[in-house]
């Protein structure tokens, strides 16, 4: 399994349930140069707390699980 597939599986199994509980969704875009690019949709796309969720929950969990990841960033 590639690192991209492992990250996607982790997002689906570990992060998505939390995001879904807030009526949002998370979508993996790509992994490049140590950066995971994601998209938040649903309620999370317009929530003012989404940046806090990104840094304190999503990025922290991904970096803890995958030492190859240096940063998690919202895709433009």
N, C-alpha and C. Protein backbone atom coordinates (compact mmCIF):
# COMPACT_ATOMS: atom_id res chain seq x y z
N UNK A 1 0.86 -1.18 0.00
CA UNK A 1 0.00 0.00 0.00
C UNK A 1 0.90 1.24 0.00
N UNK A 2 0.59 2.20 -0.84
CA UNK A 2 1.38 3.44 -0.92
C UNK A 2 1.06 4.35 0.26
N UNK A 3 1.92 5.32 0.50
CA UNK A 3 1.69 6.28 1.59
C UNK A 3 0.39 7.05 1.35
N UNK A 4 0.10 7.36 0.09
CA UNK A 4 -1.14 8.08 -0.24
C UNK A 4 -2.36 7.24 0.14
N UNK A 5 -2.30 5.95 -0.16
CA UNK A 5 -3.41 5.06 0.18
C UNK A 5 -3.54 4.91 1.70
N UNK A 6 -2.42 4.85 2.39
CA UNK A 6 -2.45 4.75 3.85
C UNK A 6 -3.06 6.01 4.46
N UNK A 7 -2.69 7.17 3.94
CA UNK A 7 -3.24 8.43 4.44
C UNK A 7 -4.74 8.49 4.18
N UNK A 8 -5.16 8.10 2.98
CA UNK A 8 -6.58 8.12 2.65
C UNK A 8 -7.37 7.19 3.57
N UNK A 9 -6.84 6.02 3.82
CA UNK A 9 -7.50 5.07 4.72
C UNK A 9 -7.59 5.65 6.13
N UNK A 10 -6.52 6.26 6.60
CA UNK A 10 -6.52 6.88 7.93
C UNK A 10 -7.55 7.99 8.00
N UNK A 11 -7.62 8.82 6.97
CA UNK A 11 -8.61 9.89 6.94
C UNK A 11 -10.03 9.32 7.02
N UNK A 12 -10.28 8.28 6.22
CA UNK A 12 -11.61 7.67 6.19
C UNK A 12 -11.99 7.05 7.53
N UNK A 13 -11.06 6.33 8.13
CA UNK A 13 -11.38 5.59 9.34
C UNK A 13 -11.26 6.39 10.62
N UNK A 14 -10.32 7.32 10.67
CA UNK A 14 -10.04 8.01 11.94
C UNK A 14 -10.47 9.47 11.98
N UNK A 15 -10.41 10.16 10.87
CA UNK A 15 -10.72 11.60 10.86
C UNK A 15 -12.15 11.87 10.39
N UNK A 16 -12.58 11.19 9.34
CA UNK A 16 -13.91 11.43 8.77
C UNK A 16 -15.05 11.29 9.79
N UNK A 17 -15.04 10.29 10.67
CA UNK A 17 -16.14 10.20 11.64
C UNK A 17 -16.26 11.46 12.52
N UNK A 18 -15.13 12.01 12.92
CA UNK A 18 -15.15 13.25 13.71
C UNK A 18 -15.71 14.41 12.90
N UNK A 19 -15.23 14.56 11.68
CA UNK A 19 -15.69 15.64 10.81
C UNK A 19 -17.17 15.46 10.48
N UNK A 20 -17.59 14.23 10.22
CA UNK A 20 -18.99 13.94 9.90
C UNK A 20 -19.91 14.26 11.06
N UNK A 21 -19.40 14.12 12.29
CA UNK A 21 -20.24 14.44 13.46
C UNK A 21 -20.56 15.93 13.53
N UNK A 22 -19.85 16.72 12.75
CA UNK A 22 -20.10 18.16 12.66
C UNK A 22 -20.70 18.52 11.30
N UNK A 23 -21.28 17.52 10.63
CA UNK A 23 -21.91 17.70 9.32
C UNK A 23 -20.94 18.17 8.24
N UNK A 24 -19.71 17.70 8.34
CA UNK A 24 -18.71 18.04 7.33
C UNK A 24 -18.11 16.80 6.72
N UNK A 25 -17.25 17.00 5.76
CA UNK A 25 -16.56 15.91 5.08
C UNK A 25 -15.12 16.35 4.82
N UNK A 26 -14.24 15.37 4.72
CA UNK A 26 -12.85 15.64 4.41
C UNK A 26 -12.49 14.82 3.18
N UNK A 27 -11.74 15.45 2.28
CA UNK A 27 -11.35 14.76 1.05
C UNK A 27 -9.85 14.92 0.84
N UNK A 28 -9.18 13.81 0.64
CA UNK A 28 -7.75 13.80 0.33
C UNK A 28 -7.57 14.30 -1.09
N UNK A 29 -6.65 15.23 -1.29
CA UNK A 29 -6.35 15.75 -2.61
C UNK A 29 -5.04 15.14 -3.12
N UNK A 30 -3.96 15.33 -2.34
CA UNK A 30 -2.68 14.74 -2.73
C UNK A 30 -1.69 14.83 -1.59
N UNK A 31 -0.60 14.09 -1.74
CA UNK A 31 0.54 14.13 -0.83
C UNK A 31 1.76 14.44 -1.67
N UNK A 32 2.38 15.59 -1.40
CA UNK A 32 3.51 16.04 -2.20
C UNK A 32 4.52 16.78 -1.34
N UNK A 33 5.78 16.39 -1.45
CA UNK A 33 6.87 17.05 -0.71
C UNK A 33 6.60 17.14 0.79
N UNK A 34 6.02 16.10 1.36
CA UNK A 34 5.76 16.07 2.79
C UNK A 34 4.50 16.79 3.23
N UNK A 35 3.74 17.30 2.27
CA UNK A 35 2.51 18.04 2.59
C UNK A 35 1.30 17.25 2.12
N UNK A 36 0.35 17.08 3.04
CA UNK A 36 -0.93 16.46 2.70
C UNK A 36 -1.90 17.59 2.39
N UNK A 37 -2.46 17.56 1.21
CA UNK A 37 -3.46 18.55 0.80
C UNK A 37 -4.83 17.91 0.93
N UNK A 38 -5.72 18.61 1.63
CA UNK A 38 -7.08 18.10 1.84
C UNK A 38 -8.08 19.20 1.51
N UNK A 39 -9.33 18.78 1.43
CA UNK A 39 -10.43 19.72 1.24
C UNK A 39 -11.48 19.41 2.29
N UNK A 40 -11.97 20.44 2.95
CA UNK A 40 -13.08 20.29 3.89
C UNK A 40 -14.33 20.79 3.20
N UNK A 41 -15.40 19.98 3.26
CA UNK A 41 -16.66 20.36 2.62
C UNK A 41 -17.78 20.23 3.64
N UNK A 42 -18.99 20.51 3.19
CA UNK A 42 -20.13 20.49 4.09
C UNK A 42 -20.05 21.66 5.05
N UNK A 43 -20.51 21.46 6.25
CA UNK A 43 -20.51 22.53 7.25
C UNK A 43 -19.11 23.02 7.58
N UNK A 44 -18.13 22.16 7.43
CA UNK A 44 -16.74 22.53 7.75
C UNK A 44 -16.16 23.55 6.78
N UNK A 45 -16.70 23.62 5.58
CA UNK A 45 -16.15 24.54 4.59
C UNK A 45 -16.43 26.00 4.94
N UNK A 46 -17.46 26.25 5.72
CA UNK A 46 -17.81 27.63 6.07
C UNK A 46 -17.70 27.92 7.56
N UNK A 47 -17.27 26.95 8.32
CA UNK A 47 -17.19 27.10 9.77
C UNK A 47 -15.98 27.93 10.17
N UNK A 48 -16.17 28.88 11.06
CA UNK A 48 -15.07 29.72 11.50
C UNK A 48 -14.06 28.93 12.35
N UNK A 49 -14.47 27.82 12.91
CA UNK A 49 -13.57 27.00 13.73
C UNK A 49 -12.80 25.96 12.90
N UNK A 50 -12.99 25.94 11.61
CA UNK A 50 -12.35 24.91 10.79
C UNK A 50 -10.82 25.02 10.82
N UNK A 51 -10.27 26.22 10.94
CA UNK A 51 -8.81 26.35 11.02
C UNK A 51 -8.28 25.75 12.32
N UNK A 52 -9.04 25.88 13.38
CA UNK A 52 -8.66 25.27 14.66
C UNK A 52 -8.76 23.75 14.55
N UNK A 53 -9.83 23.28 13.94
CA UNK A 53 -10.00 21.84 13.72
C UNK A 53 -8.85 21.30 12.88
N UNK A 54 -8.45 22.06 11.86
CA UNK A 54 -7.35 21.65 11.00
C UNK A 54 -6.07 21.46 11.79
N UNK A 55 -5.70 22.47 12.56
CA UNK A 55 -4.41 22.41 13.24
C UNK A 55 -4.42 21.55 14.49
N UNK A 56 -5.47 21.62 15.28
CA UNK A 56 -5.48 20.90 16.55
C UNK A 56 -5.96 19.46 16.46
N UNK A 57 -6.72 19.14 15.45
CA UNK A 57 -7.21 17.77 15.35
C UNK A 57 -6.65 17.05 14.12
N UNK A 58 -6.92 17.56 12.96
CA UNK A 58 -6.56 16.85 11.73
C UNK A 58 -5.04 16.76 11.57
N UNK A 59 -4.37 17.91 11.55
CA UNK A 59 -2.93 17.89 11.32
C UNK A 59 -2.19 17.14 12.42
N UNK A 60 -2.56 17.37 13.65
CA UNK A 60 -1.89 16.70 14.77
C UNK A 60 -2.00 15.18 14.65
N UNK A 61 -3.19 14.68 14.33
CA UNK A 61 -3.39 13.24 14.22
C UNK A 61 -2.62 12.64 13.03
N UNK A 62 -2.64 13.32 11.90
CA UNK A 62 -1.95 12.81 10.71
C UNK A 62 -0.44 12.80 10.94
N UNK A 63 0.10 13.88 11.49
CA UNK A 63 1.54 13.94 11.72
C UNK A 63 1.99 12.94 12.78
N UNK A 64 1.13 12.67 13.73
CA UNK A 64 1.44 11.66 14.75
C UNK A 64 1.52 10.27 14.13
N UNK A 65 0.66 9.99 13.18
CA UNK A 65 0.58 8.67 12.54
C UNK A 65 1.65 8.47 11.45
N UNK A 66 1.94 9.53 10.70
CA UNK A 66 2.85 9.44 9.55
C UNK A 66 4.02 10.40 9.71
N UNK A 67 5.18 9.86 10.01
CA UNK A 67 6.35 10.72 10.21
C UNK A 67 6.80 11.40 8.92
N UNK A 68 6.37 10.89 7.76
CA UNK A 68 6.71 11.48 6.47
C UNK A 68 5.99 12.81 6.24
N UNK A 69 4.91 13.04 6.99
CA UNK A 69 4.10 14.25 6.80
C UNK A 69 4.68 15.39 7.63
N UNK A 70 4.99 16.48 6.94
CA UNK A 70 5.53 17.67 7.60
C UNK A 70 4.45 18.70 7.88
N UNK A 71 3.38 18.65 7.06
CA UNK A 71 2.34 19.67 7.15
C UNK A 71 1.06 19.15 6.50
N UNK A 72 -0.07 19.65 6.98
CA UNK A 72 -1.37 19.38 6.35
C UNK A 72 -1.93 20.74 5.96
N UNK A 73 -2.37 20.83 4.73
CA UNK A 73 -2.81 22.12 4.22
C UNK A 73 -4.11 21.97 3.44
N UNK A 74 -4.96 22.98 3.56
CA UNK A 74 -6.17 23.01 2.76
C UNK A 74 -5.82 23.32 1.32
N UNK A 75 -6.39 22.56 0.40
CA UNK A 75 -6.16 22.80 -1.03
C UNK A 75 -6.91 24.05 -1.44
N UNK A 76 -6.33 24.78 -2.37
CA UNK A 76 -6.99 26.01 -2.85
C UNK A 76 -8.11 25.71 -3.79
